[in-house]
């Protein structure tokens, strides 16, 4: 979706396509900042 919105923006100049591109970029950045839990860090009741 990111590539499509950027390509559409470059071909048409549509500001909404650019905003969609930036929104997707921000979401991707947020996902990369979230620590990933593994089975080693999970605790189970005994």
PDB file of N, CA and C in Angstrom:
ATOM      1  N   UNK A   1       0.820  -1.187   0.000  1.00  0.00           N
ATOM      2  CA  UNK A   1       0.000   0.000   0.000  1.00  0.00           C
ATOM      3  C   UNK A   1       0.866   1.254   0.000  1.00  0.00           C
ATOM      4  N   UNK A   2       1.968   1.203   0.713  1.00  0.00           N
ATOM      5  CA  UNK A   2       2.863   2.354   0.778  1.00  0.00           C
ATOM      6  C   UNK A   2       3.400   2.704  -0.598  1.00  0.00           C
ATOM      7  N   UNK A   3       3.858   1.703  -1.309  1.00  0.00           N
ATOM      8  CA  UNK A   3       4.404   1.939  -2.650  1.00  0.00           C
ATOM      9  C   UNK A   3       3.323   2.457  -3.596  1.00  0.00           C
ATOM     10  N   UNK A   4       2.123   1.885  -3.501  1.00  0.00           N
ATOM     11  CA  UNK A   4       1.030   2.317  -4.367  1.00  0.00           C
ATOM     12  C   UNK A   4       0.689   3.786  -4.129  1.00  0.00           C
ATOM     13  N   UNK A   5       0.556   4.168  -2.857  1.00  0.00           N
ATOM     14  CA  UNK A   5       0.168   5.545  -2.567  1.00  0.00           C
ATOM     15  C   UNK A   5       1.251   6.521  -3.011  1.00  0.00           C
ATOM     16  N   UNK A   6       2.524   6.143  -2.855  1.00  0.00           N
ATOM     17  CA  UNK A   6       3.602   7.024  -3.317  1.00  0.00           C
ATOM     18  C   UNK A   6       3.591   7.140  -4.842  1.00  0.00           C
ATOM     19  N   UNK A   7       3.425   6.024  -5.507  1.00  0.00           N
ATOM     20  CA  UNK A   7       3.402   6.020  -6.970  1.00  0.00           C
ATOM     21  C   UNK A   7       2.229   6.856  -7.490  1.00  0.00           C
ATOM     22  N   UNK A   8       1.064   6.666  -6.883  1.00  0.00           N
ATOM     23  CA  UNK A   8      -0.121   7.424  -7.276  1.00  0.00           C
ATOM     24  C   UNK A   8       0.115   8.915  -7.068  1.00  0.00           C
ATOM     25  N   UNK A   9       0.727   9.284  -5.944  1.00  0.00           N
ATOM     26  CA  UNK A   9       1.023  10.685  -5.673  1.00  0.00           C
ATOM     27  C   UNK A   9       1.974  11.260  -6.711  1.00  0.00           C
ATOM     28  N   UNK A  10       3.034  10.521  -7.041  1.00  0.00           N
ATOM     29  CA  UNK A  10       3.996  11.046  -8.011  1.00  0.00           C
ATOM     30  C   UNK A  10       3.382  11.192  -9.402  1.00  0.00           C
ATOM     31  N   UNK A  11       2.419  10.349  -9.740  1.00  0.00           N
ATOM     32  CA  UNK A  11       1.791  10.430 -11.060  1.00  0.00           C
ATOM     33  C   UNK A  11       0.706  11.505 -11.136  1.00  0.00           C
ATOM     34  N   UNK A  12       0.013  11.727 -10.016  1.00  0.00           N
ATOM     35  CA  UNK A  12      -1.149  12.618 -10.053  1.00  0.00           C
ATOM     36  C   UNK A  12      -0.979  13.902  -9.249  1.00  0.00           C
ATOM     37  N   UNK A  13      -0.086  13.887  -8.259  1.00  0.00           N
ATOM     38  CA  UNK A  13       0.045  15.043  -7.385  1.00  0.00           C
ATOM     39  C   UNK A  13      -1.075  15.142  -6.368  1.00  0.00           C
ATOM     40  N   UNK A  14      -1.852  14.083  -6.217  1.00  0.00           N
ATOM     41  CA  UNK A  14      -2.988  14.065  -5.298  1.00  0.00           C
ATOM     42  C   UNK A  14      -2.492  14.100  -3.856  1.00  0.00           C
ATOM     43  N   UNK A  15      -2.857  15.151  -3.123  1.00  0.00           N
ATOM     44  CA  UNK A  15      -2.391  15.334  -1.754  1.00  0.00           C
ATOM     45  C   UNK A  15      -2.904  14.229  -0.836  1.00  0.00           C
ATOM     46  N   UNK A  16      -4.092  13.701  -1.099  1.00  0.00           N
ATOM     47  CA  UNK A  16      -4.627  12.614  -0.275  1.00  0.00           C
ATOM     48  C   UNK A  16      -3.762  11.359  -0.383  1.00  0.00           C
ATOM     49  N   UNK A  17      -3.224  11.103  -1.553  1.00  0.00           N
ATOM     50  CA  UNK A  17      -2.327   9.954  -1.727  1.00  0.00           C
ATOM     51  C   UNK A  17      -1.055  10.159  -0.918  1.00  0.00           C
ATOM     52  N   UNK A  18      -0.553  11.398  -0.891  1.00  0.00           N
ATOM     53  CA  UNK A  18       0.639  11.693  -0.096  1.00  0.00           C
ATOM     54  C   UNK A  18       0.353  11.526   1.393  1.00  0.00           C
ATOM     55  N   UNK A  19      -0.786  12.003   1.833  1.00  0.00           N
ATOM     56  CA  UNK A  19      -1.145  11.865   3.244  1.00  0.00           C
ATOM     57  C   UNK A  19      -1.309  10.402   3.632  1.00  0.00           C
ATOM     58  N   UNK A  20      -1.864   9.595   2.749  1.00  0.00           N
ATOM     59  CA  UNK A  20      -1.978   8.161   2.993  1.00  0.00           C
ATOM     60  C   UNK A  20      -0.587   7.540   3.105  1.00  0.00           C
ATOM     61  N   UNK A  21       0.313   7.939   2.221  1.00  0.00           N
ATOM     62  CA  UNK A  21       1.694   7.457   2.264  1.00  0.00           C
ATOM     63  C   UNK A  21       2.342   7.798   3.605  1.00  0.00           C
ATOM     64  N   UNK A  22       2.206   9.042   4.055  1.00  0.00           N
ATOM     65  CA  UNK A  22       2.800   9.463   5.326  1.00  0.00           C
ATOM     66  C   UNK A  22       2.162   8.743   6.508  1.00  0.00           C
ATOM     67  N   UNK A  23       0.867   8.500   6.445  1.00  0.00           N
ATOM     68  CA  UNK A  23       0.181   7.786   7.521  1.00  0.00           C
ATOM     69  C   UNK A  23       0.707   6.358   7.616  1.00  0.00           C
ATOM     70  N   UNK A  24       0.868   5.716   6.486  1.00  0.00           N
ATOM     71  CA  UNK A  24       1.392   4.348   6.465  1.00  0.00           C
ATOM     72  C   UNK A  24       2.820   4.326   7.004  1.00  0.00           C
ATOM     73  N   UNK A  25       3.615   5.318   6.653  1.00  0.00           N
ATOM     74  CA  UNK A  25       4.992   5.410   7.129  1.00  0.00           C
ATOM     75  C   UNK A  25       5.021   5.545   8.654  1.00  0.00           C
ATOM     76  N   UNK A  26       4.133   6.363   9.210  1.00  0.00           N
ATOM     77  CA  UNK A  26       4.066   6.556  10.657  1.00  0.00           C
ATOM     78  C   UNK A  26       3.647   5.269  11.376  1.00  0.00           C
ATOM     79  N   UNK A  27       2.677   4.568  10.821  1.00  0.00           N
ATOM     80  CA  UNK A  27       2.233   3.307  11.418  1.00  0.00           C
ATOM     81  C   UNK A  27       3.364   2.285  11.399  1.00  0.00           C
ATOM     82  N   UNK A  28       4.082   2.208  10.291  1.00  0.00           N
ATOM     83  CA  UNK A  28       5.203   1.274  10.186  1.00  0.00           C
ATOM     84  C   UNK A  28       6.284   1.618  11.213  1.00  0.00           C
ATOM     85  N   UNK A  29       6.535   2.900  11.413  1.00  0.00           N
ATOM     86  CA  UNK A  29       7.535   3.330  12.397  1.00  0.00           C
ATOM     87  C   UNK A  29       7.075   2.948  13.805  1.00  0.00           C
ATOM     88  N   UNK A  30       5.793   3.129  14.100  1.00  0.00           N
ATOM     89  CA  UNK A  30       5.254   2.764  15.416  1.00  0.00           C
ATOM     90  C   UNK A  30       5.383   1.266  15.664  1.00  0.00           C
ATOM     91  N   UNK A  31       5.114   0.458  14.644  1.00  0.00           N
ATOM     92  CA  UNK A  31       5.229  -0.995  14.789  1.00  0.00           C
ATOM     93  C   UNK A  31       6.662  -1.403  15.076  1.00  0.00           C
ATOM     94  N   UNK A  32       7.616  -0.702  14.493  1.00  0.00           N
ATOM     95  CA  UNK A  32       9.026  -1.032  14.719  1.00  0.00           C
ATOM     96  C   UNK A  32       9.488  -0.648  16.113  1.00  0.00           C
ATOM     97  N   UNK A  33       8.802   0.292  16.756  1.00  0.00           N
ATOM     98  CA  UNK A  33       9.169   0.721  18.101  1.00  0.00           C
ATOM     99  C   UNK A  33       8.601  -0.175  19.190  1.00  0.00           C
ATOM    100  N   UNK A  34       7.628  -1.008  18.855  1.00  0.00           N
ATOM    101  CA  UNK A  34       6.981  -1.873  19.840  1.00  0.00           C
ATOM    102  C   UNK A  34       7.888  -3.061  20.134  1.00  0.00           C
ATOM    103  N   UNK A  35       8.239  -3.275  21.405  1.00  0.00           N
ATOM    104  CA  UNK A  35       9.073  -4.438  21.721  1.00  0.00           C
ATOM    105  C   UNK A  35       8.316  -5.738  21.471  1.00  0.00           C
ATOM    106  N   UNK A  36       9.017  -6.684  20.940  1.00  0.00           N
ATOM    107  CA  UNK A  36       8.416  -7.979  20.621  1.00  0.00           C
ATOM    108  C   UNK A  36       8.667  -8.932  21.774  1.00  0.00           C
ATOM    109  N   UNK A  37       7.599  -9.496  22.322  1.00  0.00           N
ATOM    110  CA  UNK A  37       7.745 -10.459  23.410  1.00  0.00           C
ATOM    111  C   UNK A  37       7.960 -11.837  22.824  1.00  0.00           C
ATOM    112  N   UNK A  38       8.817 -12.582  23.457  1.00  0.00           N
ATOM    113  CA  UNK A  38       9.060 -13.957  23.024  1.00  0.00           C
ATOM    114  C   UNK A  38       8.593 -14.887  24.130  1.00  0.00           C
ATOM    115  N   UNK A  39       8.603 -16.175  23.858  1.00  0.00           N
ATOM    116  CA  UNK A  39       8.181 -17.143  24.860  1.00  0.00           C
ATOM    117  C   UNK A  39       9.075 -17.088  26.096  1.00  0.00           C
ATOM    118  N   UNK A  40      10.316 -16.706  25.929  1.00  0.00           N
ATOM    119  CA  UNK A  40      11.244 -16.635  27.055  1.00  0.00           C
ATOM    120  C   UNK A  40      10.839 -15.559  28.053  1.00  0.00           C
ATOM    121  N   UNK A  41      10.183 -14.494  27.614  1.00  0.00           N
ATOM    122  CA  UNK A  41       9.834 -13.406  28.520  1.00  0.00           C
ATOM    123  C   UNK A  41       8.445 -13.555  29.123  1.00  0.00           C
ATOM    124  N   UNK A  42       7.663 -14.480  28.611  1.00  0.00           N
ATOM    125  CA  UNK A  42       6.325 -14.677  29.158  1.00  0.00           C
ATOM    126  C   UNK A  42       6.405 -15.502  30.438  1.00  0.00           C
ATOM    127  N   UNK A  43       5.526 -15.166  31.371  1.00  0.00           N
ATOM    128  CA  UNK A  43       5.485 -15.942  32.611  1.00  0.00           C
ATOM    129  C   UNK A  43       4.160 -16.685  32.662  1.00  0.00           C
ATOM    130  N   UNK A  44       4.204 -17.881  33.172  1.00  0.00           N
ATOM    131  CA  UNK A  44       3.022 -18.719  33.264  1.00  0.00           C
ATOM    132  C   UNK A  44       2.774 -19.051  34.727  1.00  0.00           C
ATOM    133  N   UNK A  45       1.513 -19.064  35.150  1.00  0.00           N
ATOM    134  CA  UNK A  45       1.225 -19.443  36.537  1.00  0.00           C
ATOM    135  C   UNK A  45       1.576 -20.904  36.777  1.00  0.00           C
ATOM    136  N   UNK A  46       2.044 -21.159  37.983  1.00  0.00           N
ATOM    137  CA  UNK A  46       2.420 -22.528  38.317  1.00  0.00           C
ATOM    138  C   UNK A  46       1.305 -23.246  39.016  1.00  0.00           C
TER     139      UNK A  46
END
